[in-house]
PDB file of N, CA and C in Angstrom:
ATOM      1  N   MET A   1       8.859  -9.862  -2.520  1.00  0.00           N
ATOM      2  CA  MET A   1       7.714  -9.950  -1.844  1.00  0.00           C
ATOM      3  C   MET A   1       6.709  -9.332  -2.999  1.00  0.00           C
ATOM      4  N   ALA A   2       7.151  -8.496  -3.759  1.00  0.00           N
ATOM      5  CA  ALA A   2       6.396  -7.652  -4.734  1.00  0.00           C
ATOM      6  C   ALA A   2       6.184  -8.587  -5.752  1.00  0.00           C
ATOM      7  N   ALA A   3       6.861  -9.225  -6.500  1.00  0.00           N
ATOM      8  CA  ALA A   3       6.640  -9.954  -7.324  1.00  0.00           C
ATOM      9  C   ALA A   3       5.535 -11.101  -7.179  1.00  0.00           C
ATOM     10  N   ARG A   4       5.183 -11.413  -6.290  1.00  0.00           N
ATOM     11  CA  ARG A   4       4.289 -12.973  -6.078  1.00  0.00           C
ATOM     12  C   ARG A   4       2.656 -12.389  -6.362  1.00  0.00           C
ATOM     13  N   PHE A   5       2.557 -11.021  -6.440  1.00  0.00           N
ATOM     14  CA  PHE A   5       1.283 -10.125  -6.649  1.00  0.00           C
ATOM     15  C   PHE A   5       1.315 -10.377  -8.311  1.00  0.00           C
ATOM     16  N   PHE A   6       2.222 -10.193  -8.710  1.00  0.00           N
ATOM     17  CA  PHE A   6       2.070 -10.130 -10.414  1.00  0.00           C
ATOM     18  C   PHE A   6       2.231 -11.381 -11.089  1.00  0.00           C
ATOM     19  N   SER A   7       1.164 -11.832 -11.564  1.00  0.00           N
ATOM     20  CA  SER A   7       1.809 -13.136 -12.555  1.00  0.00           C
ATOM     21  C   SER A   7       1.826 -12.828 -13.854  1.00  0.00           C
ATOM     22  N   THR A   8       2.683 -13.549 -14.600  1.00  0.00           N
ATOM     23  CA  THR A   8       2.813 -13.254 -15.998  1.00  0.00           C
ATOM     24  C   THR A   8       1.742 -12.688 -16.870  1.00  0.00           C
ATOM     25  N   ALA A   9       0.608 -13.076 -16.703  1.00  0.00           N
ATOM     26  CA  ALA A   9      -0.433 -13.279 -17.685  1.00  0.00           C
ATOM     27  C   ALA A   9      -1.112 -11.698 -16.998  1.00  0.00           C
ATOM     28  N   ARG A  10      -1.064 -11.470 -16.026  1.00  0.00           N
ATOM     29  CA  ARG A  10      -1.645 -10.201 -15.417  1.00  0.00           C
ATOM     30  C   ARG A  10      -1.317  -9.128 -14.406  1.00  0.00           C
ATOM     31  N   ARG A  11      -0.813  -7.992 -14.906  1.00  0.00           N
ATOM     32  CA  ARG A  11       0.156  -7.228 -14.179  1.00  0.00           C
ATOM     33  C   ARG A  11      -0.495  -5.463 -13.850  1.00  0.00           C
ATOM     34  N   LEU A  12      -0.410  -5.241 -12.897  1.00  0.00           N
ATOM     35  CA  LEU A  12      -0.935  -4.008 -12.137  1.00  0.00           C
ATOM     36  C   LEU A  12       0.070  -2.954 -12.344  1.00  0.00           C
ATOM     37  N   VAL A  13       0.269  -1.741 -13.425  1.00  0.00           N
ATOM     38  CA  VAL A  13       1.326  -0.763 -12.982  1.00  0.00           C
ATOM     39  C   VAL A  13       0.447   0.308 -12.593  1.00  0.00           C
ATOM     40  N   PRO A  14       0.667   1.359 -11.484  1.00  0.00           N
ATOM     41  CA  PRO A  14       0.102   2.460 -11.113  1.00  0.00           C
ATOM     42  C   PRO A  14       0.683   3.306 -12.191  1.00  0.00           C
ATOM     43  N   LEU A  15      -0.201   4.387 -12.403  1.00  0.00           N
ATOM     44  CA  LEU A  15       0.071   5.549 -13.314  1.00  0.00           C
ATOM     45  C   LEU A  15       0.430   6.820 -12.461  1.00  0.00           C
ATOM     46  N   GLY A  16       0.995   7.359 -13.138  1.00  0.00           N
ATOM     47  CA  GLY A  16       1.248   9.282 -12.686  1.00  0.00           C
ATOM     48  C   GLY A  16       1.668   8.928 -11.093  1.00  0.00           C
ATOM     49  N   ASP A  17       1.135   9.659  -9.976  1.00  0.00           N
ATOM     50  CA  ASP A  17       1.752   9.611  -8.960  1.00  0.00           C
ATOM     51  C   ASP A  17       0.938   8.590  -8.176  1.00  0.00           C
ATOM     52  N   ARG A  18       0.559   7.349  -8.481  1.00  0.00           N
ATOM     53  CA  ARG A  18      -0.020   6.299  -7.683  1.00  0.00           C
ATOM     54  C   ARG A  18       0.542   5.034  -7.240  1.00  0.00           C
ATOM     55  N   VAL A  19       0.316   4.837  -5.745  1.00  0.00           N
ATOM     56  CA  VAL A  19       0.911   3.913  -5.150  1.00  0.00           C
ATOM     57  C   VAL A  19       0.099   2.810  -4.906  1.00  0.00           C
ATOM     58  N   LEU A  20       0.507   1.635  -5.233  1.00  0.00           N
ATOM     59  CA  LEU A  20      -0.298   0.269  -4.983  1.00  0.00           C
ATOM     60  C   LEU A  20       0.404  -0.424  -3.451  1.00  0.00           C
ATOM     61  N   VAL A  21      -0.412  -0.515  -2.725  1.00  0.00           N
ATOM     62  CA  VAL A  21      -0.300  -1.196  -1.458  1.00  0.00           C
ATOM     63  C   VAL A  21      -0.677  -1.895  -0.807  1.00  0.00           C
ATOM     64  N   LYS A  22      -0.158  -2.796  -0.208  1.00  0.00           N
ATOM     65  CA  LYS A  22      -0.845  -3.807   0.655  1.00  0.00           C
ATOM     66  C   LYS A  22      -1.079  -4.147   2.462  1.00  0.00           C
ATOM     67  N   ARG A  23      -1.717  -3.372   2.776  1.00  0.00           N
ATOM     68  CA  ARG A  23      -2.038  -3.686   4.188  1.00  0.00           C
ATOM     69  C   ARG A  23      -1.428  -4.444   5.297  1.00  0.00           C
ATOM     70  N   ILE A  24      -1.210  -4.556   6.120  1.00  0.00           N
ATOM     71  CA  ILE A  24      -0.387  -5.336   7.104  1.00  0.00           C
ATOM     72  C   ILE A  24      -1.398  -5.876   7.469  1.00  0.00           C
ATOM     73  N   GLU A  25      -1.187  -7.017   7.712  1.00  0.00           N
ATOM     74  CA  GLU A  25      -2.681  -7.755   8.607  1.00  0.00           C
ATOM     75  C   GLU A  25      -2.270  -8.133   9.683  1.00  0.00           C
ATOM     76  N   GLN A  26      -3.730  -7.671  10.726  1.00  0.00           N
ATOM     77  CA  GLN A  26      -3.194  -7.716  12.035  1.00  0.00           C
ATOM     78  C   GLN A  26      -3.213  -8.959  12.825  1.00  0.00           C
ATOM     79  N   LYS A  27      -2.362  -8.695  13.519  1.00  0.00           N
ATOM     80  CA  LYS A  27      -2.189 -10.161  14.706  1.00  0.00           C
ATOM     81  C   LYS A  27      -3.764 -10.183  15.523  1.00  0.00           C
ATOM     82  N   THR A  28      -4.094 -11.669  15.311  1.00  0.00           N
ATOM     83  CA  THR A  28      -5.418 -11.513  16.078  1.00  0.00           C
ATOM     84  C   THR A  28      -5.076 -12.791  17.092  1.00  0.00           C
ATOM     85  N   GLN A  29      -3.844 -12.943  17.701  1.00  0.00           N
ATOM     86  CA  GLN A  29      -3.543 -13.864  18.864  1.00  0.00           C
ATOM     87  C   GLN A  29      -2.430 -12.602  19.500  1.00  0.00           C
ATOM     88  N   THR A  30      -2.375 -12.435  20.849  1.00  0.00           N
ATOM     89  CA  THR A  30      -1.632 -11.822  21.494  1.00  0.00           C
ATOM     90  C   THR A  30      -0.436 -12.846  22.066  1.00  0.00           C
ATOM     91  N   THR A  31       0.663 -12.327  22.524  1.00  0.00           N
ATOM     92  CA  THR A  31       1.985 -13.312  22.927  1.00  0.00           C
ATOM     93  C   THR A  31       1.657 -14.184  23.814  1.00  0.00           C
ATOM     94  N   GLY A  32       0.277 -13.868  24.579  1.00  0.00           N
ATOM     95  CA  GLY A  32       0.093 -14.663  25.872  1.00  0.00           C
ATOM     96  C   GLY A  32      -0.687 -15.962  25.633  1.00  0.00           C
ATOM     97  N   GLY A  33      -1.229 -15.835  23.762  1.00  0.00           N
ATOM     98  CA  GLY A  33      -2.246 -16.775  23.518  1.00  0.00           C
ATOM     99  C   GLY A  33      -3.540 -16.460  23.569  1.00  0.00           C
ATOM    100  N   VAL A  34      -3.894 -15.341  23.592  1.00  0.00           N
ATOM    101  CA  VAL A  34      -5.326 -14.956  23.658  1.00  0.00           C
ATOM    102  C   VAL A  34      -5.916 -14.421  22.173  1.00  0.00           C
ATOM    103  N   PHE A  35      -6.892 -15.182  22.009  1.00  0.00           N
ATOM    104  CA  PHE A  35      -7.357 -14.870  20.564  1.00  0.00           C
ATOM    105  C   PHE A  35      -8.060 -13.801  20.540  1.00  0.00           C
ATOM    106  N   LEU A  36      -8.222 -12.546  19.569  1.00  0.00           N
ATOM    107  CA  LEU A  36      -8.747 -11.213  19.490  1.00  0.00           C
ATOM    108  C   LEU A  36      -9.993 -11.314  18.751  1.00  0.00           C
ATOM    109  N   PRO A  37     -11.071 -10.890  18.535  1.00  0.00           N
ATOM    110  CA  PRO A  37     -12.231 -10.996  18.186  1.00  0.00           C
ATOM    111  C   PRO A  37     -12.331  -9.889  17.222  1.00  0.00           C
ATOM    112  N   ASP A  38     -12.600 -10.231  16.163  1.00  0.00           N
ATOM    113  CA  ASP A  38     -12.467  -9.490  14.908  1.00  0.00           C
ATOM    114  C   ASP A  38     -13.274  -7.950  14.945  1.00  0.00           C
ATOM    115  N   ALA A  39     -14.392  -7.885  15.949  1.00  0.00           N
ATOM    116  CA  ALA A  39     -14.981  -6.789  16.179  1.00  0.00           C
ATOM    117  C   ALA A  39     -13.913  -5.920  16.975  1.00  0.00           C
ATOM    118  N   GLY A  40     -13.203  -6.207  17.745  1.00  0.00           N
ATOM    119  CA  GLY A  40     -12.571  -5.195  18.752  1.00  0.00           C
ATOM    120  C   GLY A  40     -11.231  -4.897  17.739  1.00  0.00           C
ATOM    121  N   MET A  41     -11.244  -5.304  16.473  1.00  0.00           N
ATOM    122  CA  MET A  41      -9.985  -4.731  16.118  1.00  0.00           C
ATOM    123  C   MET A  41     -10.026  -3.955  15.182  1.00  0.00           C
ATOM    124  N   ALA A  42      -9.057  -2.774  15.213  1.00  0.00           N
ATOM    125  CA  ALA A  42      -9.193  -1.346  14.367  1.00  0.00           C
ATOM    126  C   ALA A  42      -8.491  -1.763  13.143  1.00  0.00           C
ATOM    127  N   LYS A  43      -8.699  -1.030  11.866  1.00  0.00           N
ATOM    128  CA  LYS A  43      -8.348  -1.697  10.746  1.00  0.00           C
ATOM    129  C   LYS A  43      -6.882  -0.733  10.994  1.00  0.00           C
ATOM    130  N   MET A  44      -5.777  -1.702   9.986  1.00  0.00           N
ATOM    131  CA  MET A  44      -4.401  -1.324  10.272  1.00  0.00           C
ATOM    132  C   MET A  44      -4.303   0.298   9.101  1.00  0.00           C
ATOM    133  N   ASN A  45      -3.304   0.794   9.708  1.00  0.00           N
ATOM    134  CA  ASN A  45      -2.864   2.070   8.687  1.00  0.00           C
ATOM    135  C   ASN A  45      -1.622   2.083   8.097  1.00  0.00           C
ATOM    136  N   GLU A  46      -0.801   0.563   7.876  1.00  0.00           N
ATOM    137  CA  GLU A  46       0.341   0.130   7.877  1.00  0.00           C
ATOM    138  C   GLU A  46       0.335  -0.766   6.958  1.00  0.00           C
ATOM    139  N   ALA A  47       1.275   0.205   5.677  1.00  0.00           N
ATOM    140  CA  ALA A  47       1.331  -1.086   4.561  1.00  0.00           C
ATOM    141  C   ALA A  47       2.447  -1.073   4.159  1.00  0.00           C
ATOM    142  N   GLU A  48       2.807  -2.187   3.007  1.00  0.00           N
ATOM    143  CA  GLU A  48       4.127  -1.941   2.230  1.00  0.00           C
ATOM    144  C   GLU A  48       3.754  -1.643   0.874  1.00  0.00           C
ATOM    145  N   VAL A  49       4.581  -0.584   0.046  1.00  0.00           N
ATOM    146  CA  VAL A  49       4.320  -0.408  -1.192  1.00  0.00           C
ATOM    147  C   VAL A  49       4.738  -1.650  -2.078  1.00  0.00           C
ATOM    148  N   ILE A  50       3.538  -1.955  -3.172  1.00  0.00           N
ATOM    149  CA  ILE A  50       4.163  -3.182  -4.004  1.00  0.00           C
ATOM    150  C   ILE A  50       4.406  -2.688  -5.430  1.00  0.00           C
ATOM    151  N   ALA A  51       4.005  -1.355  -5.712  1.00  0.00           N
ATOM    152  CA  ALA A  51       4.417  -0.873  -6.884  1.00  0.00           C
ATOM    153  C   ALA A  51       3.858   0.595  -6.913  1.00  0.00           C
ATOM    154  N   CYS A  52       4.955   1.573  -7.623  1.00  0.00           N
ATOM    155  CA  CYS A  52       4.475   2.980  -7.787  1.00  0.00           C
ATOM    156  C   CYS A  52       4.776   3.432  -9.281  1.00  0.00           C
ATOM    157  N   GLY A  53       4.108   4.497  -9.231  1.00  0.00           N
ATOM    158  CA  GLY A  53       4.095   5.175 -10.744  1.00  0.00           C
ATOM    159  C   GLY A  53       5.196   5.957 -10.842  1.00  0.00           C
ATOM    160  N   PRO A  54       5.333   6.306 -12.253  1.00  0.00           N
ATOM    161  CA  PRO A  54       6.866   6.965 -12.482  1.00  0.00           C
ATOM    162  C   PRO A  54       6.662   8.372 -11.527  1.00  0.00           C
ATOM    163  N   GLY A  55       5.729   9.021 -11.381  1.00  0.00           N
ATOM    164  CA  GLY A  55       5.535  10.178 -10.455  1.00  0.00           C
ATOM    165  C   GLY A  55       4.758  11.394 -11.049  1.00  0.00           C
ATOM    166  N   ALA A  56       4.230  12.236 -10.226  1.00  0.00           N
ATOM    167  CA  ALA A  56       3.732  13.362 -10.566  1.00  0.00           C
ATOM    168  C   ALA A  56       4.397  14.576 -11.950  1.00  0.00           C
ATOM    169  N   LYS A  57       3.740  15.334 -12.366  1.00  0.00           N
ATOM    170  CA  LYS A  57       4.158  16.147 -13.450  1.00  0.00           C
ATOM    171  C   LYS A  57       3.979  17.898 -12.914  1.00  0.00           C
ATOM    172  N   ASP A  58       4.789  18.392 -13.089  1.00  0.00           N
ATOM    173  CA  ASP A  58       4.756  19.848 -12.601  1.00  0.00           C
ATOM    174  C   ASP A  58       4.019  20.578 -13.468  1.00  0.00           C
ATOM    175  N   GLU A  59       3.856  22.233 -13.474  1.00  0.00           N
ATOM    176  CA  GLU A  59       3.028  22.832 -14.247  1.00  0.00           C
ATOM    177  C   GLU A  59       4.115  23.020 -15.442  1.00  0.00           C
ATOM    178  N   ALA A  60       5.075  22.986 -15.225  1.00  0.00           N
ATOM    179  CA  ALA A  60       6.110  23.134 -16.767  1.00  0.00           C
ATOM    180  C   ALA A  60       6.570  21.416 -17.454  1.00  0.00           C
ATOM    181  N   GLY A  61       5.853  20.932 -16.403  1.00  0.00           N
ATOM    182  CA  GLY A  61       5.953  19.307 -17.511  1.00  0.00           C
ATOM    183  C   GLY A  61       6.988  18.443 -16.964  1.00  0.00           C
ATOM    184  N   SER A  62       7.648  18.996 -15.949  1.00  0.00           N
ATOM    185  CA  SER A  62       8.750  18.129 -15.416  1.00  0.00           C
ATOM    186  C   SER A  62       8.212  16.860 -14.201  1.00  0.00           C
ATOM    187  N   LEU A  63       9.035  16.025 -14.301  1.00  0.00           N
ATOM    188  CA  LEU A  63       8.610  14.889 -13.710  1.00  0.00           C
ATOM    189  C   LEU A  63       9.062  14.992 -12.275  1.00  0.00           C
ATOM    190  N   ILE A  64       7.920  14.601 -11.115  1.00  0.00           N
ATOM    191  CA  ILE A  64       8.313  15.013  -9.938  1.00  0.00           C
ATOM    192  C   ILE A  64       8.476  13.493  -9.433  1.00  0.00           C
ATOM    193  N   PRO A  65       9.665  13.057  -8.891  1.00  0.00           N
ATOM    194  CA  PRO A  65       9.968  11.615  -8.793  1.00  0.00           C
ATOM    195  C   PRO A  65       9.215  11.321  -7.089  1.00  0.00           C
ATOM    196  N   MET A  66       8.558   9.914  -7.272  1.00  0.00           N
ATOM    197  CA  MET A  66       8.044   9.472  -5.934  1.00  0.00           C
ATOM    198  C   MET A  66       8.774   9.561  -4.782  1.00  0.00           C
ATOM    199  N   GLU A  67       8.428   9.806  -3.712  1.00  0.00           N
ATOM    200  CA  GLU A  67       8.952   9.951  -2.521  1.00  0.00           C
ATOM    201  C   GLU A  67       9.074   8.350  -1.661  1.00  0.00           C
ATOM    202  N   VAL A  68       8.167   7.549  -2.087  1.00  0.00           N
ATOM    203  CA  VAL A  68       8.661   5.961  -1.740  1.00  0.00           C
ATOM    204  C   VAL A  68       8.827   5.253  -3.146  1.00  0.00           C
ATOM    205  N   ALA A  69       9.269   4.124  -2.623  1.00  0.00           N
ATOM    206  CA  ALA A  69       9.484   2.856  -3.388  1.00  0.00           C
ATOM    207  C   ALA A  69       9.303   1.625  -3.152  1.00  0.00           C
ATOM    208  N   VAL A  70       9.320   0.512  -3.852  1.00  0.00           N
ATOM    209  CA  VAL A  70       8.758  -0.499  -3.779  1.00  0.00           C
ATOM    210  C   VAL A  70       9.018  -1.306  -2.483  1.00  0.00           C
ATOM    211  N   GLY A  71       8.778  -1.838  -1.278  1.00  0.00           N
ATOM    212  CA  GLY A  71       8.820  -2.408  -0.560  1.00  0.00           C
ATOM    213  C   GLY A  71       9.171  -1.473   0.689  1.00  0.00           C
ATOM    214  N   ASP A  72       9.294   0.059   0.775  1.00  0.00           N
ATOM    215  CA  ASP A  72       8.727   0.770   1.926  1.00  0.00           C
ATOM    216  C   ASP A  72       7.464   0.150   2.544  1.00  0.00           C
ATOM    217  N   MET A  73       7.615   0.834   3.956  1.00  0.00           N
ATOM    218  CA  MET A  73       6.300   0.471   4.925  1.00  0.00           C
ATOM    219  C   MET A  73       5.824   2.059   5.219  1.00  0.00           C
ATOM    220  N   VAL A  74       4.989   2.071   5.101  1.00  0.00           N
ATOM    221  CA  VAL A  74       3.904   3.177   4.939  1.00  0.00           C
ATOM    222  C   VAL A  74       3.024   3.389   5.871  1.00  0.00           C
ATOM    223  N   LEU A  75       2.525   4.783   6.142  1.00  0.00           N
ATOM    224  CA  LEU A  75       1.241   5.089   6.906  1.00  0.00           C
ATOM    225  C   LEU A  75       0.196   5.575   6.022  1.00  0.00           C
ATOM    226  N   LEU A  76      -0.753   4.931   6.113  1.00  0.00           N
ATOM    227  CA  LEU A  76      -2.023   5.190   5.365  1.00  0.00           C
ATOM    228  C   LEU A  76      -2.957   6.150   6.394  1.00  0.00           C
ATOM    229  N   PRO A  77      -3.980   7.164   5.326  1.00  0.00           N
ATOM    230  CA  PRO A  77      -4.748   7.359   5.825  1.00  0.00           C
ATOM    231  C   PRO A  77      -6.215   6.781   6.247  1.00  0.00           C
ATOM    232  N   GLU A  78      -6.779   6.474   7.054  1.00  0.00           N
ATOM    233  CA  GLU A  78      -8.012   5.573   7.646  1.00  0.00           C
ATOM    234  C   GLU A  78      -9.021   5.342   6.389  1.00  0.00           C
ATOM    235  N   TYR A  79      -9.024   6.431   5.156  1.00  0.00           N
ATOM    236  CA  TYR A  79      -9.829   6.212   4.138  1.00  0.00           C
ATOM    237  C   TYR A  79      -9.559   7.142   2.902  1.00  0.00           C
ATOM    238  N   GLY A  80      -9.828   6.665   1.853  1.00  0.00           N
ATOM    239  CA  GLY A  80      -9.699   7.373   0.497  1.00  0.00           C
ATOM    240  C   GLY A  80      -8.639   6.226  -0.243  1.00  0.00           C
ATOM    241  N   ALA A  81      -8.499   5.416   0.024  1.00  0.00           N
ATOM    242  CA  ALA A  81      -7.572   4.523  -1.204  1.00  0.00           C
ATOM    243  C   ALA A  81      -8.840   3.470  -2.039  1.00  0.00           C
ATOM    244  N   THR A  82      -8.596   3.514  -3.208  1.00  0.00           N
ATOM    245  CA  THR A  82      -9.309   2.606  -3.752  1.00  0.00           C
ATOM    246  C   THR A  82      -9.032   1.132  -3.731  1.00  0.00           C
ATOM    247  N   THR A  83      -9.799   0.233  -3.429  1.00  0.00           N
ATOM    248  CA  THR A  83      -9.605  -1.444  -3.078  1.00  0.00           C
ATOM    249  C   THR A  83      -9.926  -1.952  -4.416  1.00  0.00           C
ATOM    250  N   VAL A  84      -8.822  -2.865  -4.583  1.00  0.00           N
ATOM    251  CA  VAL A  84      -8.448  -3.426  -5.989  1.00  0.00           C
ATOM    252  C   VAL A  84      -8.002  -5.079  -5.481  1.00  0.00           C
ATOM    253  N   LYS A  85      -8.806  -6.136  -6.109  1.00  0.00           N
ATOM    254  CA  LYS A  85      -8.602  -7.233  -5.866  1.00  0.00           C
ATOM    255  C   LYS A  85      -7.742  -7.963  -6.988  1.00  0.00           C
ATOM    256  N   LEU A  86      -6.560  -8.595  -6.766  1.00  0.00           N
ATOM    257  CA  LEU A  86      -5.640  -9.008  -7.664  1.00  0.00           C
ATOM    258  C   LEU A  86      -5.926 -10.795  -6.904  1.00  0.00           C
ATOM    259  N   GLY A  87      -6.274 -11.510  -7.858  1.00  0.00           N
ATOM    260  CA  GLY A  87      -6.638 -12.861  -6.987  1.00  0.00           C
ATOM    261  C   GLY A  87      -7.124 -12.835  -5.802  1.00  0.00           C
ATOM    262  N   ASP A  88      -6.172 -13.392  -4.815  1.00  0.00           N
ATOM    263  CA  ASP A  88      -6.919 -13.797  -3.511  1.00  0.00           C
ATOM    264  C   ASP A  88      -6.537 -12.379  -2.621  1.00  0.00           C
ATOM    265  N   ASP A  89      -5.758 -11.572  -3.134  1.00  0.00           N
ATOM    266  CA  ASP A  89      -5.116 -10.084  -2.261  1.00  0.00           C
ATOM    267  C   ASP A  89      -5.684  -9.392  -2.043  1.00  0.00           C
ATOM    268  N   GLU A  90      -6.281  -8.119  -1.280  1.00  0.00           N
ATOM    269  CA  GLU A  90      -6.854  -7.325  -1.144  1.00  0.00           C
ATOM    270  C   GLU A  90      -5.682  -5.915  -1.330  1.00  0.00           C
ATOM    271  N   LEU A  91      -5.623  -5.258  -2.368  1.00  0.00           N
ATOM    272  CA  LEU A  91      -4.384  -4.572  -2.405  1.00  0.00           C
ATOM    273  C   LEU A  91      -5.485  -2.763  -2.494  1.00  0.00           C
ATOM    274  N   HIS A  92      -4.681  -1.829  -1.990  1.00  0.00           N
ATOM    275  CA  HIS A  92      -5.227  -0.487  -2.229  1.00  0.00           C
ATOM    276  C   HIS A  92      -4.443   0.538  -2.974  1.00  0.00           C
ATOM    277  N   LEU A  93      -4.928   1.118  -3.683  1.00  0.00           N
ATOM    278  CA  LEU A  93      -4.348   1.751  -4.927  1.00  0.00           C
ATOM    279  C   LEU A  93      -4.877   3.419  -4.402  1.00  0.00           C
ATOM    280  N   LEU A  94      -3.656   4.462  -3.970  1.00  0.00           N
ATOM    281  CA  LEU A  94      -4.046   5.819  -3.738  1.00  0.00           C
ATOM    282  C   LEU A  94      -2.731   6.834  -4.199  1.00  0.00           C
ATOM    283  N   ARG A  95      -2.613   7.876  -4.219  1.00  0.00           N
ATOM    284  CA  ARG A  95      -1.792   8.805  -4.674  1.00  0.00           C
ATOM    285  C   ARG A  95      -0.875   9.018  -3.417  1.00  0.00           C
ATOM    286  N   GLY A  96       0.477   9.414  -4.195  1.00  0.00           N
ATOM    287  CA  GLY A  96       1.386   9.049  -3.138  1.00  0.00           C
ATOM    288  C   GLY A  96       1.394  10.426  -2.171  1.00  0.00           C
ATOM    289  N   SER A  97       0.608  11.540  -2.741  1.00  0.00           N
ATOM    290  CA  SER A  97       0.560  12.625  -1.762  1.00  0.00           C
ATOM    291  C   SER A  97      -0.664  12.276  -0.600  1.00  0.00           C
ATOM    292  N   ASP A  98      -1.075  11.183  -0.681  1.00  0.00           N
ATOM    293  CA  ASP A  98      -2.086  10.502   0.606  1.00  0.00           C
ATOM    294  C   ASP A  98      -1.379  10.022   1.317  1.00  0.00           C
ATOM    295  N   ILE A  99      -0.089   9.392   1.349  1.00  0.00           N
ATOM    296  CA  ILE A  99       0.207   8.647   2.081  1.00  0.00           C
ATOM    297  C   ILE A  99       0.970   9.779   3.072  1.00  0.00           C
ATOM    298  N   LEU A 100       0.679   9.290   4.433  1.00  0.00           N
ATOM    299  CA  LEU A 100       1.026   9.945   5.377  1.00  0.00           C
ATOM    300  C   LEU A 100       2.468  10.050   5.959  1.00  0.00           C
ATOM    301  N   GLY A 101       3.107   8.792   5.936  1.00  0.00           N
ATOM    302  CA  GLY A 101       4.217   8.959   6.376  1.00  0.00           C
ATOM    303  C   GLY A 101       5.147   7.788   5.552  1.00  0.00           C
ATOM    304  N   LYS A 102       6.423   7.542   5.900  1.00  0.00           N
ATOM    305  CA  LYS A 102       7.257   6.258   5.665  1.00  0.00           C
ATOM    306  C   LYS A 102       8.171   5.881   6.979  1.00  0.00           C
ATOM    307  N   PHE A 103       7.964   4.799   7.045  1.00  0.00           N
ATOM    308  CA  PHE A 103       8.744   3.882   8.134  1.00  0.00           C
ATOM    309  C   PHE A 103      10.548   4.033   7.777  1.00  0.00           C
ATOM    310  N   GLU A 104      11.256   4.244   9.066  1.00  0.00           N
ATOM    311  CA  GLU A 104      12.303   3.810   8.643  1.00  0.00           C
ATOM    312  C   GLU A 104      13.060   3.041   9.486  1.00  0.00           C
ATOM    313  N   GLY A 105      13.776   2.329   9.667  1.00  0.00           N
ATOM    314  CA  GLY A 105      14.874   1.714  10.452  1.00  0.00           C
ATOM    315  C   GLY A 105      14.369  -0.211  10.539  1.00  0.00           C
TER     316      GLY A 105
END
């Protein structure tokens, strides 16, 4: 899925310990068929990792690897990410240490 965000003409590669994510789109219709208004919907804090930087460096200059990988589902803070527009997609760039958790299973 991550490949569809990067065309051959333009590609965004995060640097350091930055992570590029795409928030999961919230369902606007319940299973019973009721449509939910946009005003009553909270911002989704769940996202898919689209790209990762190589990781941060410690004081000795050793590379600290990222704790997330492309394709992982993660829990984001409500605020703090930088919004990036790539084509029609709205992505978010944040530090790996700002990610609250990773969903497994």
